[in-house]
């Protein structure tokens, strides 16, 4: 399956006149069904001087953390403590997040005005051989779910660029979510989470009528967090060869993927930039492909 190469869109927009709305809808549909969209160079403005500056940062000198993260909604930079270089890094990440949002809103036009802009990041560390706790290991196949930011069924769209000057970023991807769920969701305990959803909905209605605050984490979010960990713990799944494919993203390649629906692992690579968005179910072109709808169809219960 590899990826779907996109060569008709660049920093200046669509390369040729035509039905842009149809093209945008087509690419949304492909993404939502588990395709990875690949650009050989960034389809948005990413100044080479910014890339070179980020790559030049020395962890020992700058007290660089695991990732530099930027929260566009709060204009907040985290994970970088070098006061001398902090203003430049902040400016780069702010500019990067805005450029990627403008790109996604134009290229994937059905999502425009409906996207929730999540965190941006710069990832300076080599992925290969990192010593991390099991549930945080990037080199184990998993689907994404955020412990601190429940989506209530909204999809996790991520835009990556490999900014290493010479080295590929190597991924492995696995079977897309409908197949993954059909094989592993029930053994992972889906029914327990689904059965809790009806009671939770009634409990929330009761709290709402009393004017009390209602918990934001839906049964869907609880299951997806559990499924993320369960897949990483499942040695048989991790070691199996069937249905898996290795992808090598060359320097300055950019790729888009719904990481809640495409199990993925980063085997090696250093220096990557990334921007995350949450796409609500109502904005999707093929909502039936969304993981929440797949799980609800399996259980016959609402999970939001």
Protein backbone atom coordinates (compact mmCIF):
# COMPACT_ATOMS: atom_id res chain seq x y z
CA UNK A 1 0.00 0.00 0.00
CA UNK A 2 2.99 2.28 0.69
CA UNK A 3 1.68 5.82 0.33
CA UNK A 4 -0.28 7.96 -2.09
CA UNK A 5 2.10 10.40 -3.77
CA UNK A 6 0.68 13.91 -4.14
CA UNK A 7 2.38 16.02 -6.78
CA UNK A 8 -0.42 18.42 -7.69
CA UNK A 9 -0.24 20.65 -4.63
CA UNK A 10 2.65 22.76 -3.32
CA UNK A 11 3.37 25.90 -1.30
CA UNK A 12 1.60 27.95 -3.98
CA UNK A 13 -1.55 25.83 -3.90
CA UNK A 14 -2.98 23.55 -6.57
CA UNK A 15 -0.65 23.13 -9.55
CA UNK A 16 -3.34 23.18 -12.25
CA UNK A 17 -6.85 24.58 -12.59
CA UNK A 18 -9.74 22.24 -12.03
CA UNK A 19 -12.32 21.12 -9.53
CA UNK A 20 -10.40 21.79 -6.32
CA UNK A 21 -13.33 20.83 -4.12
CA UNK A 22 -13.54 17.40 -5.71
CA UNK A 23 -9.77 16.87 -5.38
CA UNK A 24 -9.77 17.99 -1.75
CA UNK A 25 -12.68 15.70 -0.96
CA UNK A 26 -10.90 12.79 -2.67
CA UNK A 27 -7.77 13.26 -0.57
CA UNK A 28 -9.82 13.57 2.62
CA UNK A 29 -11.54 10.29 1.79
CA UNK A 30 -8.25 8.52 1.09
CA UNK A 31 -6.79 9.75 4.37
CA UNK A 32 -9.84 8.75 6.37
CA UNK A 33 -9.74 5.22 4.92
CA UNK A 34 -6.15 4.77 6.10
CA UNK A 35 -4.01 6.05 3.25
CA UNK A 36 -0.83 8.04 3.90
CA UNK A 37 -0.45 11.13 1.71
CA UNK A 38 3.15 11.77 0.68
CA UNK A 39 4.81 14.96 -0.56
CA UNK A 40 8.44 14.85 -1.67
CA UNK A 41 8.95 18.38 -0.33
CA UNK A 42 6.92 20.43 2.16
CA UNK A 43 3.67 21.69 0.57
CA UNK A 44 3.84 24.78 2.77
CA UNK A 45 6.43 27.43 3.49
CA UNK A 46 9.22 26.01 5.65
CA UNK A 47 12.29 28.26 5.47
CA UNK A 48 15.57 26.38 5.17
CA UNK A 49 17.13 28.80 7.65
CA UNK A 50 14.56 27.71 10.27
CA UNK A 51 15.28 24.04 9.63
CA UNK A 52 19.04 24.55 9.83
CA UNK A 53 18.70 26.47 13.10
CA UNK A 54 16.62 23.73 14.76
CA UNK A 55 18.91 20.97 13.57
CA UNK A 56 21.96 22.87 14.86
CA UNK A 57 20.70 22.98 18.46
CA UNK A 58 22.84 20.92 20.82
CA UNK A 59 20.95 19.06 23.57
CA UNK A 60 23.85 19.35 26.02
CA UNK A 61 24.05 23.10 25.53
CA UNK A 62 20.39 23.97 25.35
CA UNK A 63 18.96 21.48 27.87
CA UNK A 64 16.79 20.21 25.04
CA UNK A 65 13.99 17.95 26.22
CA UNK A 66 12.58 14.88 24.46
CA UNK A 67 10.58 17.18 22.18
CA UNK A 68 10.12 20.87 21.75
CA UNK A 69 6.36 21.37 21.79
CA UNK A 70 4.32 24.38 20.81
CA UNK A 71 0.66 24.94 21.70
CA UNK A 72 -0.75 27.31 19.07
CA UNK A 73 -4.00 28.00 20.89
CA UNK A 74 -2.09 29.31 23.93
CA UNK A 75 1.03 30.50 22.02
CA UNK A 76 3.03 28.46 24.51
CA UNK A 77 6.44 26.86 23.93
CA UNK A 78 7.49 23.90 26.08
CA UNK A 79 10.55 21.67 26.29
CA UNK A 80 13.21 24.26 25.55
CA UNK A 81 15.04 26.08 28.32
CA UNK A 82 17.86 27.95 26.60
CA UNK A 83 16.93 31.59 27.21
CA UNK A 84 19.31 32.90 24.56
CA UNK A 85 17.74 30.88 21.74
CA UNK A 86 14.19 30.63 23.13
CA UNK A 87 12.76 33.65 21.24
CA UNK A 88 14.02 32.32 17.88
CA UNK A 89 12.67 28.82 18.55
CA UNK A 90 9.31 30.25 19.63
CA UNK A 91 9.11 32.30 16.44
CA UNK A 92 10.00 29.31 14.26
CA UNK A 93 7.39 27.06 15.87
CA UNK A 94 4.69 29.75 15.74
CA UNK A 95 5.37 30.34 12.05
CA UNK A 96 5.49 26.60 11.33
CA UNK A 97 2.16 25.87 13.08
CA UNK A 98 0.42 28.68 11.18
CA UNK A 99 1.84 27.54 7.83
CA UNK A 100 0.72 23.94 8.34
CA UNK A 101 -2.76 24.99 9.45
CA UNK A 102 -3.16 27.18 6.36
CA UNK A 103 -1.98 24.31 4.17
CA UNK A 104 -4.37 21.75 5.68
CA UNK A 105 -7.31 24.15 5.52
CA UNK A 106 -6.70 24.75 1.81
CA UNK A 107 -5.60 21.28 0.69
CA UNK A 108 -8.23 19.42 2.75
CA UNK A 109 -10.92 22.03 2.21
CA UNK A 110 -13.82 20.03 3.76
CA UNK A 111 -12.05 20.40 7.13
CA UNK A 112 -11.54 24.17 6.88
CA UNK A 113 -13.01 26.07 9.80
CA UNK A 114 -13.71 22.82 11.69
CA UNK A 115 -10.20 21.77 12.68
CA UNK A 116 -9.06 21.88 16.27
CA UNK A 117 -5.37 22.84 16.21
CA UNK A 118 -3.44 20.66 18.62
CA UNK A 119 0.26 20.67 19.47
CA UNK A 120 3.20 21.16 17.11
CA UNK A 121 6.56 19.62 17.87
CA UNK A 122 10.19 19.35 16.88
CA UNK A 123 11.69 15.94 17.63
CA UNK A 124 15.49 16.18 17.89
CA UNK A 125 16.39 12.73 19.19
CA UNK A 126 17.31 9.60 17.26
CA UNK A 127 14.44 7.12 17.50
CA UNK A 128 16.55 3.98 17.11
CA UNK A 129 17.65 2.47 20.39
CA UNK A 130 15.90 4.90 22.72
CA UNK A 131 15.45 3.56 26.24
CA UNK A 132 11.84 4.33 27.11
CA UNK A 133 9.11 2.70 29.22
CA UNK A 134 7.07 0.17 27.24
CA UNK A 135 3.97 2.33 26.81
CA UNK A 136 6.07 5.30 25.62
CA UNK A 137 8.21 3.40 23.12
CA UNK A 138 7.81 4.81 19.62
CA UNK A 139 9.24 1.71 17.91
CA UNK A 140 6.26 -0.47 18.86
CA UNK A 141 3.17 -0.47 16.64
CA UNK A 142 0.29 1.50 18.13
CA UNK A 143 -2.64 3.73 17.30
CA UNK A 144 -2.63 7.18 18.85
CA UNK A 145 -4.73 8.34 21.78
CA UNK A 146 -3.91 11.31 24.02
CA UNK A 147 -4.15 10.82 27.81
CA UNK A 148 -4.59 14.54 28.49
CA UNK A 149 -6.69 15.49 25.44
CA UNK A 150 -9.72 13.26 24.80
CA UNK A 151 -11.21 13.61 21.31
CA UNK A 152 -14.68 12.07 21.92
CA UNK A 153 -14.41 10.40 18.52
CA UNK A 154 -12.69 13.21 16.68
CA UNK A 155 -9.87 11.94 14.48
CA UNK A 156 -6.16 12.58 15.04
CA UNK A 157 -4.60 14.01 11.89
CA UNK A 158 -0.83 14.50 11.94
CA UNK A 159 1.48 16.24 9.48
CA UNK A 160 5.15 15.17 9.63
CA UNK A 161 8.26 16.49 7.89
CA UNK A 162 11.63 14.76 8.07
CA UNK A 163 14.06 17.67 8.42
CA UNK A 164 17.20 15.57 8.79
CA UNK A 165 19.69 16.76 6.15
CA UNK A 166 20.61 13.25 4.96
CA UNK A 167 18.88 10.43 6.85
CA UNK A 168 15.53 8.74 6.14
CA UNK A 169 12.88 8.46 8.83
CA UNK A 170 11.84 4.81 8.93
CA UNK A 171 8.38 3.67 9.93
CA UNK A 172 6.52 0.40 10.03
CA UNK A 173 2.76 0.52 9.53
CA UNK A 174 0.22 -2.21 10.15
CA UNK A 175 -3.32 -3.19 9.14
CA UNK A 176 -5.75 -0.28 9.07
CA UNK A 177 -8.23 0.21 11.88
CA UNK A 178 -11.23 -1.78 10.60
CA UNK A 179 -9.06 -4.90 10.22
CA UNK A 180 -7.11 -4.16 13.39
CA UNK A 181 -10.31 -3.78 15.41
CA UNK A 182 -11.91 -6.90 13.92
CA UNK A 183 -8.92 -8.95 15.05
CA UNK A 184 -7.99 -7.38 18.37
CA UNK A 185 -10.65 -5.05 19.81
CA UNK A 186 -12.67 -7.81 21.47
CA UNK A 187 -9.63 -9.57 22.98
CA UNK A 188 -8.50 -6.15 24.22
CA UNK A 189 -11.75 -5.76 26.19
CA UNK A 190 -13.89 -3.59 23.91
CA UNK A 191 -17.13 -5.05 25.24
CA UNK A 192 -16.34 -3.94 28.80
CA UNK A 193 -15.85 -0.33 27.67
CA UNK A 194 -18.93 -0.40 25.44
CA UNK A 195 -21.15 -1.85 28.18
CA UNK A 196 -20.08 0.96 30.48
CA UNK A 197 -21.12 3.56 27.92
CA UNK A 198 -24.89 3.28 28.46
CA UNK A 199 -24.59 3.65 32.23
CA UNK A 200 -22.21 6.56 31.80
CA UNK A 201 -24.55 8.40 29.44
CA UNK A 202 -27.38 8.13 31.98
CA UNK A 203 -25.09 9.24 34.79
CA UNK A 204 -23.94 12.25 32.77
CA UNK A 205 -27.53 13.25 32.00
CA UNK A 206 -28.28 13.13 35.71
CA UNK A 207 -25.32 15.31 36.60
CA UNK A 208 -26.21 17.72 33.83
CA UNK A 209 -29.72 18.22 35.16
CA UNK A 210 -28.21 19.07 38.56
CA UNK A 211 -25.89 21.63 36.99
CA UNK A 212 -22.80 19.67 38.03
CA UNK A 213 -19.63 19.37 35.89
CA UNK A 214 -19.51 16.30 33.65
CA UNK A 215 -16.39 14.23 32.97
CA UNK A 216 -15.04 14.78 29.47
CA UNK A 217 -13.53 11.34 28.76
CA UNK A 218 -15.91 9.23 26.72
CA UNK A 219 -15.92 5.40 26.64
CA UNK A 220 -14.32 5.71 23.21
CA UNK A 221 -11.38 7.66 24.63
CA UNK A 222 -10.98 5.21 27.49
CA UNK A 223 -10.90 2.26 25.13
CA UNK A 224 -8.47 3.89 22.70
CA UNK A 225 -6.04 4.71 25.51
CA UNK A 226 -6.31 1.13 26.68
CA UNK A 227 -5.94 -0.20 23.12
CA UNK A 228 -2.79 1.90 22.59
CA UNK A 229 -1.17 0.22 25.59
CA UNK A 230 -2.60 -3.23 24.86
CA UNK A 231 -1.13 -3.29 21.36
CA UNK A 232 2.30 -2.34 22.67
CA UNK A 233 2.08 -5.07 25.31
CA UNK A 234 1.03 -7.73 22.77
CA UNK A 235 4.27 -9.45 21.81
CA UNK A 236 2.61 -11.72 19.25
CA UNK A 237 1.15 -8.73 17.41
CA UNK A 238 4.42 -6.83 17.53
CA UNK A 239 6.44 -9.77 16.20
CA UNK A 240 4.01 -10.83 13.46
CA UNK A 241 5.09 -10.02 9.88
CA UNK A 242 1.70 -10.31 8.20
CA UNK A 243 0.04 -7.07 7.10
CA UNK A 244 3.00 -4.85 7.96
CA UNK A 245 5.01 -2.59 5.70
CA UNK A 246 8.20 -0.60 6.17
CA UNK A 247 8.21 2.98 4.90
CA UNK A 248 11.29 5.14 4.45
CA UNK A 249 10.59 8.88 4.35
CA UNK A 250 13.54 10.75 2.78
CA UNK A 251 14.90 14.11 3.93
CA UNK A 252 12.37 16.97 3.57
CA UNK A 253 9.52 14.58 2.74
CA UNK A 254 6.17 15.50 4.30
CA UNK A 255 3.39 13.03 5.01
CA UNK A 256 -0.15 13.22 6.38
CA UNK A 257 -1.82 10.38 8.26
CA UNK A 258 -4.69 9.75 10.65
CA UNK A 259 -2.62 8.11 13.38
CA UNK A 260 -5.68 6.90 15.30
CA UNK A 261 -6.48 4.64 12.33
CA UNK A 262 -3.05 3.62 11.02
CA UNK A 263 -0.97 1.59 13.48
CA UNK A 264 2.58 2.87 13.18
CA UNK A 265 6.01 2.67 14.75
CA UNK A 266 9.06 4.88 14.26
CA UNK A 267 12.08 2.57 13.96
CA UNK A 268 14.74 5.18 13.25
CA UNK A 269 15.24 8.78 12.27
CA UNK A 270 16.26 12.05 13.87
CA UNK A 271 14.95 15.59 13.48
CA UNK A 272 11.28 15.70 12.56
CA UNK A 273 8.68 18.45 12.71
CA UNK A 274 5.05 17.60 13.32
CA UNK A 275 1.68 19.33 13.68
CA UNK A 276 -1.43 17.62 15.05
CA UNK A 277 -5.07 18.44 14.40
CA UNK A 278 -8.31 16.98 15.73
CA UNK A 279 -10.96 16.59 13.03
CA UNK A 280 -14.51 16.23 14.44
CA UNK A 281 -16.63 13.39 13.10
CA UNK A 282 -19.13 15.81 11.55
CA UNK A 283 -16.37 17.27 9.33
CA UNK A 284 -15.34 13.88 7.89
CA UNK A 285 -16.03 12.88 4.30
CA UNK A 286 -16.27 9.16 5.18
CA UNK A 287 -17.39 9.16 8.83
CA UNK A 288 -18.16 5.43 8.68
CA UNK A 289 -14.39 4.82 8.50
CA UNK A 290 -13.73 6.68 11.77
CA UNK A 291 -12.55 4.39 14.57
CA UNK A 292 -15.45 5.43 16.79
CA UNK A 293 -17.96 4.38 14.14
CA UNK A 294 -16.13 1.09 13.54
CA UNK A 295 -16.25 0.29 17.26
CA UNK A 296 -19.88 1.37 17.60
CA UNK A 297 -20.85 -0.87 14.70
CA UNK A 298 -19.09 -3.80 16.37
CA UNK A 299 -20.80 -3.24 19.73
CA UNK A 300 -24.13 -1.77 18.71
CA UNK A 301 -23.63 0.99 21.30
CA UNK A 302 -22.80 4.68 21.19
CA UNK A 303 -19.35 5.33 22.64
CA UNK A 304 -19.21 9.12 22.71
